[in-house]
Amino acid sequence: MNYLRLLSLALLAALSSPAAADDPAIVVKAPDQPAKKICVRENTVGTRLAPVVCLTREQWKQREHADDDQKDRLRDHINRQVQDRPMPGVATGSGG
């Protein structure tokens, strides 16, 4: 009998026994599969040919967080500029 076949049968018998489910030493792991990509056609200003961007779900989440961070930085920058600018019609300094 082929040793590989014998080993496969022994492994199958061990995994199908009720004790195997409680044994933490026996771990059955599915083969690693590449993450599924999600493709989106992105509208680009100035062109009718929108590029297609394909990323995994995790990459889309990272991109969304990066976009949110950039929006927050831009909003903070604009708010600082507005606060530093004097308002028209309001006297500044001491009234003396």
N, C-alpha and C. Protein backbone atom coordinates (compact mmCIF):
# COMPACT_ATOMS: atom_id res chain seq x y z
N MET A 1 0.85 -1.17 0.00
CA MET A 1 0.00 0.00 0.00
C MET A 1 0.89 1.24 0.00
N ASN A 2 0.45 2.24 -0.67
CA ASN A 2 1.20 3.48 -0.77
C ASN A 2 1.21 4.18 0.60
N TYR A 3 2.40 4.67 1.01
CA TYR A 3 2.52 5.32 2.32
C TYR A 3 1.72 6.61 2.40
N LEU A 4 1.66 7.33 1.30
CA LEU A 4 0.90 8.58 1.30
C LEU A 4 -0.59 8.32 1.50
N ARG A 5 -1.09 7.27 0.86
CA ARG A 5 -2.50 6.91 1.03
C ARG A 5 -2.77 6.47 2.45
N LEU A 6 -1.85 5.71 3.02
CA LEU A 6 -2.00 5.24 4.39
C LEU A 6 -1.99 6.43 5.36
N LEU A 7 -1.10 7.35 5.13
CA LEU A 7 -1.02 8.54 5.97
C LEU A 7 -2.31 9.36 5.85
N SER A 8 -2.84 9.51 4.64
CA SER A 8 -4.08 10.25 4.44
C SER A 8 -5.24 9.61 5.17
N LEU A 9 -5.32 8.28 5.09
CA LEU A 9 -6.40 7.57 5.79
C LEU A 9 -6.28 7.72 7.30
N ALA A 10 -5.06 7.67 7.81
CA ALA A 10 -4.85 7.82 9.25
C ALA A 10 -5.24 9.24 9.70
N LEU A 11 -4.88 10.22 8.90
CA LEU A 11 -5.24 11.59 9.24
C LEU A 11 -6.74 11.79 9.19
N LEU A 12 -7.38 11.24 8.20
CA LEU A 12 -8.84 11.34 8.08
C LEU A 12 -9.52 10.67 9.26
N ALA A 13 -9.02 9.50 9.67
CA ALA A 13 -9.61 8.80 10.80
C ALA A 13 -9.41 9.60 12.08
N ALA A 14 -8.26 10.22 12.24
CA ALA A 14 -7.99 11.00 13.45
C ALA A 14 -8.87 12.24 13.51
N LEU A 15 -9.07 12.87 12.37
CA LEU A 15 -9.89 14.08 12.36
C LEU A 15 -11.37 13.79 12.51
N SER A 16 -11.80 12.63 12.10
CA SER A 16 -13.22 12.31 12.19
C SER A 16 -13.61 11.78 13.56
N SER A 17 -12.65 11.48 14.42
CA SER A 17 -12.98 10.96 15.75
C SER A 17 -13.45 12.12 16.62
N PRO A 18 -14.35 11.87 17.58
CA PRO A 18 -14.86 12.94 18.44
C PRO A 18 -13.78 13.57 19.31
N ALA A 19 -12.73 12.82 19.65
CA ALA A 19 -11.67 13.36 20.50
C ALA A 19 -10.85 14.41 19.75
N ALA A 20 -10.81 14.33 18.44
CA ALA A 20 -10.01 15.26 17.65
C ALA A 20 -10.56 16.67 17.73
N ALA A 21 -11.85 16.80 17.92
CA ALA A 21 -12.46 18.13 18.00
C ALA A 21 -12.02 18.85 19.27
N ASP A 22 -11.72 18.11 20.34
CA ASP A 22 -11.32 18.71 21.60
C ASP A 22 -9.81 18.89 21.72
N ASP A 23 -9.03 18.29 20.83
CA ASP A 23 -7.58 18.33 20.91
C ASP A 23 -7.06 19.61 20.25
N PRO A 24 -6.46 20.52 21.03
CA PRO A 24 -5.97 21.76 20.42
C PRO A 24 -4.74 21.55 19.54
N ALA A 25 -4.10 20.39 19.63
CA ALA A 25 -2.91 20.14 18.83
C ALA A 25 -3.26 19.87 17.37
N ILE A 26 -4.49 19.45 17.11
CA ILE A 26 -4.90 19.14 15.75
C ILE A 26 -5.61 20.37 15.19
N VAL A 27 -4.99 20.98 14.20
CA VAL A 27 -5.55 22.18 13.58
C VAL A 27 -5.67 21.93 12.09
N VAL A 28 -6.86 22.09 11.58
CA VAL A 28 -7.08 21.94 10.15
C VAL A 28 -7.28 23.34 9.59
N LYS A 29 -6.43 23.71 8.67
CA LYS A 29 -6.48 25.05 8.10
C LYS A 29 -6.71 24.95 6.60
N ALA A 30 -7.62 25.77 6.11
CA ALA A 30 -7.89 25.80 4.68
C ALA A 30 -6.69 26.44 3.99
N PRO A 31 -6.43 26.07 2.76
CA PRO A 31 -5.32 26.69 2.05
C PRO A 31 -5.54 28.19 1.89
N ASP A 32 -4.45 28.93 1.95
CA ASP A 32 -4.55 30.38 1.82
C ASP A 32 -5.04 30.74 0.43
N GLN A 33 -6.08 31.57 0.41
CA GLN A 33 -6.62 32.03 -0.85
C GLN A 33 -6.39 33.53 -0.93
N PRO A 34 -6.06 34.03 -2.10
CA PRO A 34 -5.87 35.47 -2.20
C PRO A 34 -7.18 36.19 -1.93
N ALA A 35 -7.06 37.36 -1.33
CA ALA A 35 -8.25 38.15 -1.01
C ALA A 35 -8.94 38.58 -2.31
N LYS A 36 -10.25 38.53 -2.27
CA LYS A 36 -11.03 38.91 -3.44
C LYS A 36 -10.93 40.42 -3.66
N LYS A 37 -10.70 40.81 -4.90
CA LYS A 37 -10.58 42.23 -5.23
C LYS A 37 -11.93 42.78 -5.65
N ILE A 38 -12.16 44.02 -5.26
CA ILE A 38 -13.38 44.74 -5.61
C ILE A 38 -12.96 45.87 -6.54
N CYS A 39 -13.52 45.89 -7.73
CA CYS A 39 -13.15 46.89 -8.74
C CYS A 39 -14.22 47.97 -8.83
N VAL A 40 -13.78 49.22 -8.87
CA VAL A 40 -14.68 50.37 -8.93
C VAL A 40 -14.15 51.33 -9.98
N ARG A 41 -15.05 51.84 -10.80
CA ARG A 41 -14.69 52.85 -11.79
C ARG A 41 -14.78 54.21 -11.09
N GLU A 42 -13.64 54.90 -11.01
CA GLU A 42 -13.58 56.17 -10.31
C GLU A 42 -13.72 57.33 -11.29
N ASN A 43 -14.61 58.25 -10.97
CA ASN A 43 -14.78 59.45 -11.80
C ASN A 43 -13.60 60.38 -11.57
N THR A 44 -13.01 60.84 -12.65
CA THR A 44 -11.87 61.74 -12.59
C THR A 44 -12.24 63.03 -13.31
N VAL A 45 -11.98 64.15 -12.66
CA VAL A 45 -12.29 65.45 -13.27
C VAL A 45 -11.38 65.66 -14.47
N GLY A 46 -11.97 66.08 -15.58
CA GLY A 46 -11.19 66.41 -16.76
C GLY A 46 -11.05 65.28 -17.76
N THR A 47 -11.67 64.15 -17.51
CA THR A 47 -11.60 63.06 -18.48
C THR A 47 -12.90 62.26 -18.46
N ARG A 48 -13.23 61.74 -19.61
CA ARG A 48 -14.41 60.88 -19.70
C ARG A 48 -14.04 59.41 -19.50
N LEU A 49 -12.75 59.14 -19.55
CA LEU A 49 -12.28 57.77 -19.37
C LEU A 49 -11.90 57.56 -17.91
N ALA A 50 -12.85 57.08 -17.16
CA ALA A 50 -12.62 56.87 -15.73
C ALA A 50 -11.79 55.61 -15.52
N PRO A 51 -10.73 55.71 -14.71
CA PRO A 51 -9.91 54.52 -14.46
C PRO A 51 -10.64 53.55 -13.54
N VAL A 52 -10.32 52.27 -13.69
CA VAL A 52 -10.88 51.24 -12.83
C VAL A 52 -9.83 50.90 -11.78
N VAL A 53 -10.22 50.98 -10.51
CA VAL A 53 -9.32 50.67 -9.41
C VAL A 53 -9.80 49.39 -8.74
N CYS A 54 -8.90 48.41 -8.63
CA CYS A 54 -9.23 47.13 -8.01
C CYS A 54 -8.41 46.96 -6.74
N LEU A 55 -9.09 46.85 -5.60
CA LEU A 55 -8.44 46.69 -4.31
C LEU A 55 -9.20 45.65 -3.49
N THR A 56 -8.53 45.09 -2.49
CA THR A 56 -9.21 44.17 -1.58
C THR A 56 -10.06 44.99 -0.61
N ARG A 57 -10.93 44.31 0.11
CA ARG A 57 -11.80 44.99 1.07
C ARG A 57 -10.97 45.74 2.12
N GLU A 58 -9.89 45.12 2.58
CA GLU A 58 -9.02 45.76 3.57
C GLU A 58 -8.34 46.99 2.98
N GLN A 59 -7.90 46.92 1.74
CA GLN A 59 -7.27 48.06 1.10
C GLN A 59 -8.26 49.22 0.91
N TRP A 60 -9.53 48.89 0.59
CA TRP A 60 -10.54 49.95 0.46
C TRP A 60 -10.75 50.63 1.81
N LYS A 61 -10.76 49.86 2.92
CA LYS A 61 -10.93 50.45 4.25
C LYS A 61 -9.75 51.37 4.58
N GLN A 62 -8.53 50.91 4.26
CA GLN A 62 -7.35 51.74 4.52
C GLN A 62 -7.41 53.03 3.71
N ARG A 63 -7.85 52.93 2.49
CA ARG A 63 -7.95 54.11 1.62
C ARG A 63 -8.99 55.09 2.16
N GLU A 64 -10.12 54.56 2.64
CA GLU A 64 -11.17 55.40 3.20
C GLU A 64 -10.67 56.13 4.45
N HIS A 65 -9.93 55.41 5.32
CA HIS A 65 -9.39 56.05 6.52
C HIS A 65 -8.38 57.13 6.14
N ALA A 66 -7.55 56.87 5.15
CA ALA A 66 -6.57 57.86 4.70
C ALA A 66 -7.28 59.10 4.16
N ASP A 67 -8.36 58.88 3.40
CA ASP A 67 -9.14 60.01 2.87
C ASP A 67 -9.76 60.82 4.00
N ASP A 68 -10.30 60.12 5.01
CA ASP A 68 -10.90 60.82 6.15
C ASP A 68 -9.86 61.65 6.90
N ASP A 69 -8.66 61.07 7.08
CA ASP A 69 -7.59 61.80 7.76
C ASP A 69 -7.20 63.06 6.97
N GLN A 70 -7.13 62.93 5.66
CA GLN A 70 -6.77 64.07 4.82
C GLN A 70 -7.85 65.15 4.91
N LYS A 71 -9.11 64.76 4.90
CA LYS A 71 -10.20 65.73 5.03
C LYS A 71 -10.12 66.46 6.37
N ASP A 72 -9.83 65.71 7.45
CA ASP A 72 -9.72 66.33 8.78
C ASP A 72 -8.57 67.33 8.82
N ARG A 73 -7.41 66.97 8.24
CA ARG A 73 -6.27 67.88 8.23
C ARG A 73 -6.59 69.15 7.45
N LEU A 74 -7.26 69.00 6.31
CA LEU A 74 -7.62 70.14 5.49
C LEU A 74 -8.61 71.05 6.21
N ARG A 75 -9.60 70.46 6.86
CA ARG A 75 -10.60 71.24 7.61
C ARG A 75 -9.92 71.99 8.76
N ASP A 76 -8.99 71.34 9.47
CA ASP A 76 -8.28 72.00 10.57
C ASP A 76 -7.43 73.15 10.05
N HIS A 77 -6.78 72.94 8.92
CA HIS A 77 -5.95 73.99 8.33
C HIS A 77 -6.79 75.21 7.94
N ILE A 78 -7.92 74.97 7.32
CA ILE A 78 -8.81 76.08 6.93
C ILE A 78 -9.35 76.79 8.16
N ASN A 79 -9.74 76.04 9.18
CA ASN A 79 -10.26 76.67 10.40
C ASN A 79 -9.20 77.54 11.08
N ARG A 80 -7.94 77.09 11.09
CA ARG A 80 -6.87 77.89 11.69
C ARG A 80 -6.67 79.18 10.90
N GLN A 81 -6.74 79.11 9.57
CA GLN A 81 -6.57 80.31 8.76
C GLN A 81 -7.70 81.30 8.99
N VAL A 82 -8.92 80.81 9.14
CA VAL A 82 -10.07 81.67 9.35
C VAL A 82 -9.99 82.32 10.73
N GLN A 83 -9.54 81.58 11.73
CA GLN A 83 -9.45 82.12 13.09
C GLN A 83 -8.35 83.16 13.20
N ASP A 84 -7.28 83.02 12.45
CA ASP A 84 -6.15 83.97 12.51
C ASP A 84 -6.45 85.27 11.76
N ARG A 85 -7.41 85.24 10.86
CA ARG A 85 -7.73 86.40 10.06
C ARG A 85 -8.65 87.33 10.86
N PRO A 86 -8.33 88.65 10.93
CA PRO A 86 -9.23 89.56 11.67
C PRO A 86 -10.54 89.75 10.94
N MET A 87 -11.60 89.89 11.72
CA MET A 87 -12.92 90.10 11.12
C MET A 87 -13.06 91.56 10.70
N PRO A 88 -13.65 91.83 9.53
CA PRO A 88 -13.83 93.20 9.08
C PRO A 88 -14.80 93.95 10.00
N GLY A 89 -14.47 95.22 10.30
CA GLY A 89 -15.37 96.05 11.11
C GLY A 89 -15.15 95.88 12.61
N VAL A 90 -14.26 95.00 13.01
CA VAL A 90 -14.01 94.80 14.43
C VAL A 90 -12.66 95.40 14.75
N ALA A 91 -12.65 96.32 15.71
CA ALA A 91 -11.40 96.97 16.09
C ALA A 91 -10.51 95.99 16.84
N THR A 92 -9.23 96.04 16.51
CA THR A 92 -8.28 95.18 17.21
C THR A 92 -7.35 96.05 18.02
N GLY A 93 -6.75 95.52 19.03
CA GLY A 93 -5.80 96.25 19.86
C GLY A 93 -6.52 96.99 20.98
N SER A 94 -5.77 97.83 21.67
CA SER A 94 -6.35 98.53 22.82
C SER A 94 -7.10 99.79 22.33
N GLY A 95 -8.17 100.09 22.99
CA GLY A 95 -9.01 101.23 22.64
C GLY A 95 -8.45 102.54 23.15
N GLY A 96 -7.42 102.52 23.94
CA GLY A 96 -6.64 103.59 24.42
C GLY A 96 -7.11 104.78 24.96
